[in-house]
Amino acid sequence: MKYTMQHTVELPKFCDALAVAPDGKTLAYTSTLPTDRKLRLYDAATLALRKEVSVGASGLNAVTISPDGKWAVTGAKSHAAYSVVTGKRGVQFAGHKHEIRSATFAPNGKRYYTASSDNYTPADWSVRAWDAATGAELSRWKCPRQLRALGVSPDGKLVAAGDKDGYVTLFDAATGKQRWEVKALGAPDAEAFVVAVAFSQDSKHVYASANGPTPCRGVSEISVAKGVVTRTLAPKGEGIMAVSGKLLFIAHATESALLVVDLKKDAIMAQLETQLGVTGLAVSQDAKTVYVGSYDHLSSFVRKN
């Protein structure tokens, strides 16, 4: 398996969040820098900047694109949808008291999920489900810790949230009932926060990566049915992660590179050399194109075989 760099462009601001549309046409990125309050939209094929949209808030921790590819959604304490064609603002998702750290759509596009986190009190550490068409809050699940990562299963039935203390919690998407909570990567007292969570193609496993002051190498594979860590994958990886099909993509723990790992074999299939590390990551649905954001560059890699 070989990925070749196709395009690379300089970024005007540090990349913190990156998303590619399911149709593969649009790429969106945001930054948490206080001086930057913009959503930037790129042509996913060429990495040509198509539009800059003023959001009106700083600290844009998360960005996502709707399943139909028509809307890019971002914000700080509240999120709003912006047309990927005109930049016009659409529905707003407002109600969190703290910054939204992670967000995602349900696969059918009918729900939008957000997770909040900050050190302020009173705490608003919650996962919220919203009506994607109207912006109405549908349900709210409070958590005992600051939330950092969020994922929805491909069948739309489950929501997984990762938090500041390294735990992953699984919720039923329809009822909000908690199914289990498990410590990912390391002993219960290990200092690590979950950076990313993702589901397997068959919705039978949750994958969680972490980061922290001590090495938190690898990715925890957690059984959805049992709520236990079944194995640790990618021992050379740490931090930013994505899953697409049968492949896992994760930042190299010590090098400026991205690892491509076969989930079944737990074998490194490719290593993509990046610009000064990986700060943003998005992968096409067919896993043939990978987009990597760094401190000052955006690059695309295409699989040749």
C-alpha atoms as a PDB file:
ATOM      1  CA  MET A   1       0.000   0.000   0.000  1.00  0.00           C
ATOM      2  CA  LYS A   2       1.401   3.368  -0.974  1.00  0.00           C
ATOM      3  CA  TYR A   3       0.120   6.913  -0.490  1.00  0.00           C
ATOM      4  CA  THR A   4       1.694   9.693  -2.548  1.00  0.00           C
ATOM      5  CA  MET A   5       1.475  13.390  -1.710  1.00  0.00           C
ATOM      6  CA  GLN A   6      -0.718  15.027  -4.321  1.00  0.00           C
ATOM      7  CA  HIS A   7      -0.954  18.644  -3.187  1.00  0.00           C
ATOM      8  CA  THR A   8       0.332  20.816  -0.375  1.00  0.00           C
ATOM      9  CA  VAL A   9      -0.494  24.446   0.400  1.00  0.00           C
ATOM     10  CA  GLU A  10       0.503  26.900   3.097  1.00  0.00           C
ATOM     11  CA  LEU A  11      -2.134  27.714   5.675  1.00  0.00           C
ATOM     12  CA  PRO A  12      -2.809  31.241   6.936  1.00  0.00           C
ATOM     13  CA  LYS A  13      -3.405  29.950  10.473  1.00  0.00           C
ATOM     14  CA  PHE A  14      -2.609  26.908  12.593  1.00  0.00           C
ATOM     15  CA  CYS A  15      -4.881  23.939  11.745  1.00  0.00           C
ATOM     16  CA  ASP A  16      -6.848  22.538  14.704  1.00  0.00           C
ATOM     17  CA  ALA A  17      -9.818  20.860  13.026  1.00  0.00           C
ATOM     18  CA  LEU A  18     -10.269  19.375   9.576  1.00  0.00           C
ATOM     19  CA  ALA A  19     -13.213  17.709   7.809  1.00  0.00           C
ATOM     20  CA  VAL A  20     -13.893  16.353   4.337  1.00  0.00           C
ATOM     21  CA  ALA A  21     -17.360  16.070   2.814  1.00  0.00           C
ATOM     22  CA  PRO A  22     -18.679  12.542   2.248  1.00  0.00           C
ATOM     23  CA  ASP A  23     -18.951  13.326  -1.469  1.00  0.00           C
ATOM     24  CA  GLY A  24     -15.249  14.195  -1.506  1.00  0.00           C
ATOM     25  CA  LYS A  25     -15.754  17.676  -2.954  1.00  0.00           C
ATOM     26  CA  THR A  26     -15.182  20.033  -0.019  1.00  0.00           C
ATOM     27  CA  LEU A  27     -12.580  20.313   2.719  1.00  0.00           C
ATOM     28  CA  ALA A  28     -13.103  22.549   5.758  1.00  0.00           C
ATOM     29  CA  TYR A  29     -10.659  23.655   8.426  1.00  0.00           C
ATOM     30  CA  THR A  30     -10.678  25.871  11.515  1.00  0.00           C
ATOM     31  CA  SER A  31      -8.199  27.150  14.095  1.00  0.00           C
ATOM     32  CA  THR A  32      -8.415  27.763  17.833  1.00  0.00           C
ATOM     33  CA  LEU A  33      -6.169  30.828  17.667  1.00  0.00           C
ATOM     34  CA  PRO A  34      -7.829  33.809  19.396  1.00  0.00           C
ATOM     35  CA  THR A  35      -7.000  36.037  16.427  1.00  0.00           C
ATOM     36  CA  ASP A  36      -8.708  33.764  13.926  1.00  0.00           C
ATOM     37  CA  ARG A  37     -12.485  33.605  13.605  1.00  0.00           C
ATOM     38  CA  LYS A  38     -12.884  32.067  10.193  1.00  0.00           C
ATOM     39  CA  LEU A  39     -14.122  28.900   8.571  1.00  0.00           C
ATOM     40  CA  ARG A  40     -12.091  28.122   5.461  1.00  0.00           C
ATOM     41  CA  LEU A  41     -13.427  25.971   2.639  1.00  0.00           C
ATOM     42  CA  TYR A  42     -11.156  24.289   0.088  1.00  0.00           C
ATOM     43  CA  ASP A  43     -11.639  22.307  -3.081  1.00  0.00           C
ATOM     44  CA  ALA A  44     -10.797  18.800  -1.884  1.00  0.00           C
ATOM     45  CA  ALA A  45      -9.361  17.751  -5.247  1.00  0.00           C
ATOM     46  CA  THR A  46      -6.943  20.668  -5.728  1.00  0.00           C
ATOM     47  CA  LEU A  47      -6.665  22.254  -2.236  1.00  0.00           C
ATOM     48  CA  ALA A  48      -7.594  25.585  -3.807  1.00  0.00           C
ATOM     49  CA  LEU A  49      -9.152  27.950  -1.265  1.00  0.00           C
ATOM     50  CA  ARG A  50     -12.763  28.525  -2.301  1.00  0.00           C
ATOM     51  CA  LYS A  51     -14.149  30.655   0.502  1.00  0.00           C
ATOM     52  CA  GLU A  52     -13.402  32.232   3.869  1.00  0.00           C
ATOM     53  CA  VAL A  53     -16.377  32.715   6.162  1.00  0.00           C
ATOM     54  CA  SER A  54     -16.340  34.956   9.254  1.00  0.00           C
ATOM     55  CA  VAL A  55     -17.832  32.986  12.131  1.00  0.00           C
ATOM     56  CA  GLY A  56     -17.797  35.747  14.755  1.00  0.00           C
ATOM     57  CA  ALA A  57     -16.165  33.669  17.496  1.00  0.00           C
ATOM     58  CA  SER A  58     -12.683  32.415  18.291  1.00  0.00           C
ATOM     59  CA  GLY A  59     -11.618  29.038  19.605  1.00  0.00           C
ATOM     60  CA  LEU A  60     -13.073  26.925  16.800  1.00  0.00           C
ATOM     61  CA  ASN A  61     -12.238  23.480  18.192  1.00  0.00           C
ATOM     62  CA  ALA A  62     -14.401  21.441  15.840  1.00  0.00           C
ATOM     63  CA  VAL A  63     -15.635  21.480  12.272  1.00  0.00           C
ATOM     64  CA  THR A  64     -17.755  18.942  10.420  1.00  0.00           C
ATOM     65  CA  ILE A  65     -19.598  18.681   7.110  1.00  0.00           C
ATOM     66  CA  SER A  66     -23.131  17.374   6.717  1.00  0.00           C
ATOM     67  CA  PRO A  67     -23.632  13.946   5.089  1.00  0.00           C
ATOM     68  CA  ASP A  68     -25.166  15.593   1.999  1.00  0.00           C
ATOM     69  CA  GLY A  69     -22.064  17.773   1.614  1.00  0.00           C
ATOM     70  CA  LYS A  70     -24.051  21.027   1.622  1.00  0.00           C
ATOM     71  CA  TRP A  71     -23.181  22.487   5.029  1.00  0.00           C
ATOM     72  CA  ALA A  72     -20.014  23.026   7.066  1.00  0.00           C
ATOM     73  CA  VAL A  73     -20.684  23.421  10.788  1.00  0.00           C
ATOM     74  CA  THR A  74     -18.440  25.082  13.369  1.00  0.00           C
ATOM     75  CA  GLY A  75     -18.405  27.555  16.241  1.00  0.00           C
ATOM     76  CA  ALA A  76     -17.318  27.992  19.855  1.00  0.00           C
ATOM     77  CA  LYS A  77     -20.035  27.736  22.559  1.00  0.00           C
ATOM     78  CA  SER A  78     -22.644  27.472  19.829  1.00  0.00           C
ATOM     79  CA  HIS A  79     -22.348  26.004  16.351  1.00  0.00           C
ATOM     80  CA  ALA A  80     -23.881  27.191  13.103  1.00  0.00           C
ATOM     81  CA  ALA A  81     -24.148  25.675   9.644  1.00  0.00           C
ATOM     82  CA  TYR A  82     -22.688  27.518   6.641  1.00  0.00           C
ATOM     83  CA  SER A  83     -23.378  26.770   3.002  1.00  0.00           C
ATOM     84  CA  VAL A  84     -20.266  25.314   1.381  1.00  0.00           C
ATOM     85  CA  VAL A  85     -21.238  27.135  -1.832  1.00  0.00           C
ATOM     86  CA  THR A  86     -22.252  30.618  -0.689  1.00  0.00           C
ATOM     87  CA  GLY A  87     -21.038  30.750   2.912  1.00  0.00           C
ATOM     88  CA  LYS A  88     -24.516  31.825   3.956  1.00  0.00           C
ATOM     89  CA  ARG A  89     -25.395  30.992   7.539  1.00  0.00           C
ATOM     90  CA  GLY A  90     -28.117  28.454   8.192  1.00  0.00           C
ATOM     91  CA  VAL A  91     -29.387  26.644  11.280  1.00  0.00           C
ATOM     92  CA  GLN A  92     -27.747  27.309  14.660  1.00  0.00           C
ATOM     93  CA  PHE A  93     -27.136  24.872  17.528  1.00  0.00           C
ATOM     94  CA  ALA A  94     -27.103  26.999  20.691  1.00  0.00           C
ATOM     95  CA  GLY A  95     -27.300  26.055  24.357  1.00  0.00           C
ATOM     96  CA  HIS A  96     -23.894  24.977  25.641  1.00  0.00           C
ATOM     97  CA  LYS A  97     -22.345  27.140  28.359  1.00  0.00           C
ATOM     98  CA  HIS A  98     -18.805  25.996  27.549  1.00  0.00           C
ATOM     99  CA  GLU A  99     -16.845  25.568  24.337  1.00  0.00           C
ATOM    100  CA  ILE A 100     -17.799  22.691  22.073  1.00  0.00           C
ATOM    101  CA  ARG A 101     -14.752  20.447  21.785  1.00  0.00           C
ATOM    102  CA  SER A 102     -16.083  17.874  19.340  1.00  0.00           C
ATOM    103  CA  ALA A 103     -19.083  17.457  17.040  1.00  0.00           C
ATOM    104  CA  THR A 104     -20.441  15.059  14.442  1.00  0.00           C
ATOM    105  CA  PHE A 105     -23.517  14.268  12.382  1.00  0.00           C
ATOM    106  CA  ALA A 106     -25.550  11.088  12.534  1.00  0.00           C
ATOM    107  CA  PRO A 107     -24.950   9.073   9.347  1.00  0.00           C
ATOM    108  CA  ASN A 108     -28.439   9.892   8.025  1.00  0.00           C
ATOM    109  CA  GLY A 109     -27.907  13.615   8.633  1.00  0.00           C
ATOM    110  CA  LYS A 110     -30.984  14.025  10.814  1.00  0.00           C
ATOM    111  CA  ARG A 111     -29.144  14.620  14.091  1.00  0.00           C
ATOM    112  CA  TYR A 112     -26.144  16.703  15.081  1.00  0.00           C
ATOM    113  CA  TYR A 113     -24.165  15.821  18.210  1.00  0.00           C
ATOM    114  CA  THR A 114     -21.905  18.089  20.279  1.00  0.00           C
ATOM    115  CA  ALA A 115     -19.675  17.628  23.340  1.00  0.00           C
ATOM    116  CA  SER A 116     -18.586  20.483  25.608  1.00  0.00           C
ATOM    117  CA  SER A 117     -15.678  21.019  27.962  1.00  0.00           C
ATOM    118  CA  ASP A 118     -13.915  23.711  29.955  1.00  0.00           C
ATOM    119  CA  ASN A 119     -12.555  24.528  33.405  1.00  0.00           C
ATOM    120  CA  TYR A 120     -15.261  27.031  34.265  1.00  0.00           C
ATOM    121  CA  THR A 121     -17.951  26.472  36.878  1.00  0.00           C
ATOM    122  CA  PRO A 122     -20.759  25.594  36.975  1.00  0.00           C
ATOM    123  CA  ALA A 123     -19.687  22.780  34.712  1.00  0.00           C
ATOM    124  CA  ASP A 124     -21.463  22.076  31.446  1.00  0.00           C
ATOM    125  CA  TRP A 125     -19.840  18.790  30.525  1.00  0.00           C
ATOM    126  CA  SER A 126     -22.505  17.350  28.308  1.00  0.00           C
ATOM    127  CA  VAL A 127     -23.208  15.533  25.076  1.00  0.00           C
ATOM    128  CA  ARG A 128     -26.189  17.026  23.289  1.00  0.00           C
ATOM    129  CA  ALA A 129     -28.265  15.791  20.377  1.00  0.00           C
ATOM    130  CA  TRP A 130     -29.854  18.359  18.070  1.00  0.00           C
ATOM    131  CA  ASP A 131     -32.362  18.284  15.255  1.00  0.00           C
ATOM    132  CA  ALA A 132     -30.105  19.001  12.269  1.00  0.00           C
ATOM    133  CA  ALA A 133     -32.897  20.712  10.328  1.00  0.00           C
ATOM    134  CA  THR A 134     -34.228  23.054  13.031  1.00  0.00           C
ATOM    135  CA  GLY A 135     -31.445  23.331  15.630  1.00  0.00           C
ATOM    136  CA  ALA A 136     -33.782  22.197  18.414  1.00  0.00           C
ATOM    137  CA  GLU A 137     -32.145  20.330  21.281  1.00  0.00           C
ATOM    138  CA  LEU A 138     -33.484  16.767  21.414  1.00  0.00           C
ATOM    139  CA  SER A 139     -31.616  15.311  24.383  1.00  0.00           C
ATOM    140  CA  ARG A 140     -28.779  15.986  26.796  1.00  0.00           C
ATOM    141  CA  TRP A 141     -26.451  13.567  28.559  1.00  0.00           C
ATOM    142  CA  LYS A 142     -24.398  14.991  31.413  1.00  0.00           C
ATOM    143  CA  CYS A 143     -20.916  13.633  32.077  1.00  0.00           C
ATOM    144  CA  PRO A 144     -18.758  13.802  35.234  1.00  0.00           C
ATOM    145  CA  ARG A 145     -15.652  14.918  33.313  1.00  0.00           C
ATOM    146  CA  GLN A 146     -14.642  17.385  30.607  1.00  0.00           C
ATOM    147  CA  LEU A 147     -15.369  15.992  27.156  1.00  0.00           C
ATOM    148  CA  ARG A 148     -12.844  16.006  24.321  1.00  0.00           C
ATOM    149  CA  ALA A 149     -13.990  13.575  21.599  1.00  0.00           C
ATOM    150  CA  LEU A 150     -17.211  12.320  20.068  1.00  0.00           C
ATOM    151  CA  GLY A 151     -18.235   9.658  17.566  1.00  0.00           C
ATOM    152  CA  VAL A 152     -21.416   8.074  16.195  1.00  0.00           C
ATOM    153  CA  SER A 153     -21.654   4.471  15.027  1.00  0.00           C
ATOM    154  CA  PRO A 154     -22.217   3.803  11.304  1.00  0.00           C
ATOM    155  CA  ASP A 155     -25.664   2.367  12.089  1.00  0.00           C
ATOM    156  CA  GLY A 156     -26.550   5.552  14.010  1.00  0.00           C
ATOM    157  CA  LYS A 157     -27.581   3.657  17.149  1.00  0.00           C
ATOM    158  CA  LEU A 158     -24.667   4.510  19.444  1.00  0.00           C
ATOM    159  CA  VAL A 159     -22.709   7.572  20.559  1.00  0.00           C
ATOM    160  CA  ALA A 160     -19.242   7.362  22.127  1.00  0.00           C
ATOM    161  CA  ALA A 161     -17.651  10.216  24.095  1.00  0.00           C
ATOM    162  CA  GLY A 162     -14.034  10.498  25.247  1.00  0.00           C
ATOM    163  CA  ASP A 163     -13.039  12.728  28.156  1.00  0.00           C
ATOM    164  CA  LYS A 164     -10.179  14.580  29.811  1.00  0.00           C
ATOM    165  CA  ASP A 165      -9.392  11.757  32.231  1.00  0.00           C
ATOM    166  CA  GLY A 166      -9.026   9.089  29.571  1.00  0.00           C
ATOM    167  CA  TYR A 167     -12.445   7.457  29.809  1.00  0.00           C
ATOM    168  CA  VAL A 168     -14.756   6.474  26.963  1.00  0.00           C
ATOM    169  CA  THR A 169     -18.504   6.394  27.624  1.00  0.00           C
ATOM    170  CA  LEU A 170     -21.037   4.682  25.369  1.00  0.00           C
ATOM    171  CA  PHE A 171     -24.602   5.983  25.072  1.00  0.00           C
ATOM    172  CA  ASP A 172     -27.710   4.707  23.332  1.00  0.00           C
ATOM    173  CA  ALA A 173     -28.468   7.343  20.665  1.00  0.00           C
ATOM    174  CA  ALA A 174     -32.245   6.927  20.896  1.00  0.00           C
ATOM    175  CA  THR A 175     -32.661   7.026  24.688  1.00  0.00           C
ATOM    176  CA  GLY A 176     -29.460   8.613  25.986  1.00  0.00           C
ATOM    177  CA  LYS A 177     -29.007   5.686  28.376  1.00  0.00           C
ATOM    178  CA  GLN A 178     -25.405   5.007  29.327  1.00  0.00           C
ATOM    179  CA  ARG A 179     -24.277   1.489  28.405  1.00  0.00           C
ATOM    180  CA  TRP A 180     -20.788   1.495  29.861  1.00  0.00           C
ATOM    181  CA  GLU A 181     -17.746   3.527  30.797  1.00  0.00           C
ATOM    182  CA  VAL A 182     -14.182   2.247  30.368  1.00  0.00           C
ATOM    183  CA  LYS A 183     -10.673   3.624  30.881  1.00  0.00           C
ATOM    184  CA  ALA A 184      -8.803   3.677  27.589  1.00  0.00           C
ATOM    185  CA  LEU A 185      -5.026   3.284  27.339  1.00  0.00           C
ATOM    186  CA  GLY A 186      -3.279   2.545  30.589  1.00  0.00           C
ATOM    187  CA  ALA A 187      -3.968   2.197  34.270  1.00  0.00           C
ATOM    188  CA  PRO A 188      -6.933   4.011  35.867  1.00  0.00           C
ATOM    189  CA  ASP A 189      -4.612   6.646  37.374  1.00  0.00           C
ATOM    190  CA  ALA A 190      -2.709   7.352  34.132  1.00  0.00           C
ATOM    191  CA  GLU A 191      -2.745  11.012  33.136  1.00  0.00           C
ATOM    192  CA  ALA A 192      -4.175  11.064  29.630  1.00  0.00           C
ATOM    193  CA  PHE A 193      -7.063  12.615  27.771  1.00  0.00           C
ATOM    194  CA  VAL A 194      -8.896  11.014  24.882  1.00  0.00           C
ATOM    195  CA  VAL A 195      -8.118  12.807  21.624  1.00  0.00           C
ATOM    196  CA  ALA A 196     -10.357  10.896  19.238  1.00  0.00           C
ATOM    197  CA  VAL A 197     -12.965   8.139  19.169  1.00  0.00           C
ATOM    198  CA  ALA A 198     -14.265   6.230  16.153  1.00  0.00           C
ATOM    199  CA  PHE A 199     -16.368   3.149  15.446  1.00  0.00           C
ATOM    200  CA  SER A 200     -15.560   0.121  13.344  1.00  0.00           C
ATOM    201  CA  GLN A 201     -17.421  -0.404  10.076  1.00  0.00           C
ATOM    202  CA  ASP A 202     -19.720  -2.986  11.665  1.00  0.00           C
ATOM    203  CA  SER A 203     -20.353  -0.864  14.809  1.00  0.00           C
ATOM    204  CA  LYS A 204     -18.977  -3.680  16.997  1.00  0.00           C
ATOM    205  CA  HIS A 205     -15.912  -1.817  18.299  1.00  0.00           C
ATOM    206  CA  VAL A 206     -14.947   1.655  19.467  1.00  0.00           C
ATOM    207  CA  TYR A 207     -11.398   2.887  18.892  1.00  0.00           C
ATOM    208  CA  ALA A 208      -9.899   5.523  21.182  1.00  0.00           C
ATOM    209  CA  SER A 209      -6.573   7.350  21.063  1.00  0.00           C
ATOM    210  CA  ALA A 210      -5.148   9.508  23.817  1.00  0.00           C
ATOM    211  CA  ASN A 211      -2.482  12.037  24.663  1.00  0.00           C
ATOM    212  CA  GLY A 212      -0.997  13.384  27.847  1.00  0.00           C
ATOM    213  CA  PRO A 213       2.098  14.360  29.870  1.00  0.00           C
ATOM    214  CA  THR A 214       3.234  10.715  29.896  1.00  0.00           C
ATOM    215  CA  PRO A 215       3.353   8.522  26.763  1.00  0.00           C
ATOM    216  CA  CYS A 216      -0.083   7.146  25.868  1.00  0.00           C
ATOM    217  CA  ARG A 217       0.950   5.172  22.844  1.00  0.00           C
ATOM    218  CA  GLY A 218      -1.433   3.129  20.785  1.00  0.00           C
ATOM    219  CA  VAL A 219      -5.156   2.880  20.196  1.00  0.00           C
ATOM    220  CA  SER A 220      -7.581   1.064  22.497  1.00  0.00           C
ATOM    221  CA  GLU A 221     -10.037  -1.246  20.775  1.00  0.00           C
ATOM    222  CA  ILE A 222     -13.144  -1.537  22.957  1.00  0.00           C
ATOM    223  CA  SER A 223     -15.884  -4.132  22.534  1.00  0.00           C
ATOM    224  CA  VAL A 224     -19.276  -2.454  22.176  1.00  0.00           C
ATOM    225  CA  ALA A 225     -21.070  -5.526  23.505  1.00  0.00           C
ATOM    226  CA  LYS A 226     -18.858  -6.079  26.579  1.00  0.00           C
ATOM    227  CA  GLY A 227     -17.415  -2.636  27.348  1.00  0.00           C
ATOM    228  CA  VAL A 228     -13.866  -3.932  27.769  1.00  0.00           C
ATOM    229  CA  VAL A 229     -10.593  -3.143  26.004  1.00  0.00           C
ATOM    230  CA  THR A 230      -9.927  -6.122  23.750  1.00  0.00           C
ATOM    231  CA  ARG A 231      -6.507  -5.069  22.431  1.00  0.00           C
ATOM    232  CA  THR A 232      -4.145  -2.154  21.913  1.00  0.00           C
ATOM    233  CA  LEU A 233      -3.272  -1.287  18.322  1.00  0.00           C
ATOM    234  CA  ALA A 234      -0.614   0.868  16.659  1.00  0.00           C
ATOM    235  CA  PRO A 235       1.960   1.057  19.497  1.00  0.00           C
ATOM    236  CA  LYS A 236       3.907   3.702  17.565  1.00  0.00           C
ATOM    237  CA  GLY A 237       0.883   5.992  17.300  1.00  0.00           C
ATOM    238  CA  GLU A 238      -0.474   8.652  19.626  1.00  0.00           C
ATOM    239  CA  GLY A 239      -3.063  11.437  19.544  1.00  0.00           C
ATOM    240  CA  ILE A 240      -4.974  12.414  16.408  1.00  0.00           C
ATOM    241  CA  MET A 241      -6.740   9.470  14.798  1.00  0.00           C
ATOM    242  CA  ALA A 242      -9.342   8.485  12.200  1.00  0.00           C
ATOM    243  CA  VAL A 243     -10.894   5.227  11.010  1.00  0.00           C
ATOM    244  CA  SER A 244     -12.055   4.597   7.458  1.00  0.00           C
ATOM    245  CA  GLY A 245     -13.197   1.151   6.409  1.00  0.00           C
ATOM    246  CA  LYS A 246     -10.616  -1.406   7.496  1.00  0.00           C
ATOM    247  CA  LEU A 247      -7.850   1.138   8.027  1.00  0.00           C
ATOM    248  CA  LEU A 248      -6.754   3.161  11.037  1.00  0.00           C
ATOM    249  CA  PHE A 249      -4.907   6.462  10.582  1.00  0.00           C
ATOM    250  CA  ILE A 250      -2.963   7.887  13.520  1.00  0.00           C
ATOM    251  CA  ALA A 251      -0.215  10.410  14.132  1.00  0.00           C
ATOM    252  CA  HIS A 252       3.241   8.959  14.796  1.00  0.00           C
ATOM    253  CA  ALA A 253       4.165   9.424  18.456  1.00  0.00           C
ATOM    254  CA  THR A 254       7.711  10.667  17.868  1.00  0.00           C
ATOM    255  CA  GLU A 255       8.030  11.593  14.177  1.00  0.00           C
ATOM    256  CA  SER A 256       6.385  14.052  11.797  1.00  0.00           C
ATOM    257  CA  ALA A 257       4.390  11.338  10.127  1.00  0.00           C
ATOM    258  CA  LEU A 258       1.010   9.646   9.837  1.00  0.00           C
ATOM    259  CA  LEU A 259       0.710   5.893  10.217  1.00  0.00           C
ATOM    260  CA  VAL A 260      -1.754   3.803   8.197  1.00  0.00           C
ATOM    261  CA  VAL A 261      -2.623   0.610  10.077  1.00  0.00           C
ATOM    262  CA  ASP A 262      -4.572  -2.471   8.979  1.00  0.00           C
ATOM    263  CA  LEU A 263      -7.145  -2.984  11.749  1.00  0.00           C
ATOM    264  CA  LYS A 264      -7.365  -6.744  11.323  1.00  0.00           C
ATOM    265  CA  LYS A 265      -3.636  -7.419  11.177  1.00  0.00           C
ATOM    266  CA  ASP A 266      -2.495  -4.528  13.424  1.00  0.00           C
ATOM    267  CA  ALA A 267       0.236  -3.946  10.870  1.00  0.00           C
ATOM    268  CA  ILE A 268       1.582  -0.650   9.549  1.00  0.00           C
ATOM    269  CA  MET A 269       0.727  -0.556   5.862  1.00  0.00           C
ATOM    270  CA  ALA A 270       2.133   2.895   5.082  1.00  0.00           C
ATOM    271  CA  GLN A 271       3.797   5.910   6.674  1.00  0.00           C
ATOM    272  CA  LEU A 272       3.035   9.379   5.331  1.00  0.00           C
ATOM    273  CA  GLU A 273       5.708  12.008   5.942  1.00  0.00           C
ATOM    274  CA  THR A 274       4.048  15.247   7.030  1.00  0.00           C
ATOM    275  CA  GLN A 275       4.939  18.881   7.658  1.00  0.00           C
ATOM    276  CA  LEU A 276       5.930  19.375  11.321  1.00  0.00           C
ATOM    277  CA  GLY A 277       3.534  16.798  12.709  1.00  0.00           C
ATOM    278  CA  VAL A 278      -0.188  16.173  12.462  1.00  0.00           C
ATOM    279  CA  THR A 279      -2.623  18.687  13.953  1.00  0.00           C
ATOM    280  CA  GLY A 280      -5.644  17.973  11.742  1.00  0.00           C
ATOM    281  CA  LEU A 281      -6.788  14.823   9.940  1.00  0.00           C
ATOM    282  CA  ALA A 282      -9.571  13.865   7.539  1.00  0.00           C
ATOM    283  CA  VAL A 283      -9.969  10.738   5.428  1.00  0.00           C
ATOM    284  CA  SER A 284     -12.256  10.100   2.453  1.00  0.00           C
ATOM    285  CA  GLN A 285     -14.941   7.445   2.852  1.00  0.00           C
ATOM    286  CA  ASP A 286     -13.130   5.047   0.530  1.00  0.00           C
ATOM    287  CA  ALA A 287      -9.838   5.667   2.388  1.00  0.00           C
ATOM    288  CA  LYS A 288      -8.120   6.526  -0.887  1.00  0.00           C
ATOM    289  CA  THR A 289      -7.441  10.180  -0.039  1.00  0.00           C
ATOM    290  CA  VAL A 290      -5.989  11.469   3.225  1.00  0.00           C
ATOM    291  CA  TYR A 291      -5.872  15.123   4.240  1.00  0.00           C
ATOM    292  CA  VAL A 292      -3.356  16.228   6.856  1.00  0.00           C
ATOM    293  CA  GLY A 293      -3.188  19.617   8.537  1.00  0.00           C
ATOM    294  CA  SER A 294      -0.053  20.746  10.333  1.00  0.00           C
ATOM    295  CA  TYR A 295       1.128  23.941  11.973  1.00  0.00           C
ATOM    296  CA  ASP A 296       1.319  25.813   8.694  1.00  0.00           C
ATOM    297  CA  HIS A 297       0.517  23.402   5.829  1.00  0.00           C
ATOM    298  CA  LEU A 298      -2.378  21.428   4.399  1.00  0.00           C
ATOM    299  CA  SER A 299      -1.530  18.338   2.343  1.00  0.00           C
ATOM    300  CA  SER A 300      -3.427  15.640   0.467  1.00  0.00           C
ATOM    301  CA  PHE A 301      -2.182  12.097  -0.084  1.00  0.00           C
ATOM    302  CA  VAL A 302      -3.648   9.663  -2.618  1.00  0.00           C
ATOM    303  CA  ARG A 303      -3.432   5.895  -2.478  1.00  0.00           C
ATOM    304  CA  LYS A 304      -2.055   4.390  -5.674  1.00  0.00           C
ATOM    305  CA  ASN A 305      -2.833   0.747  -4.925  1.00  0.00           C
END
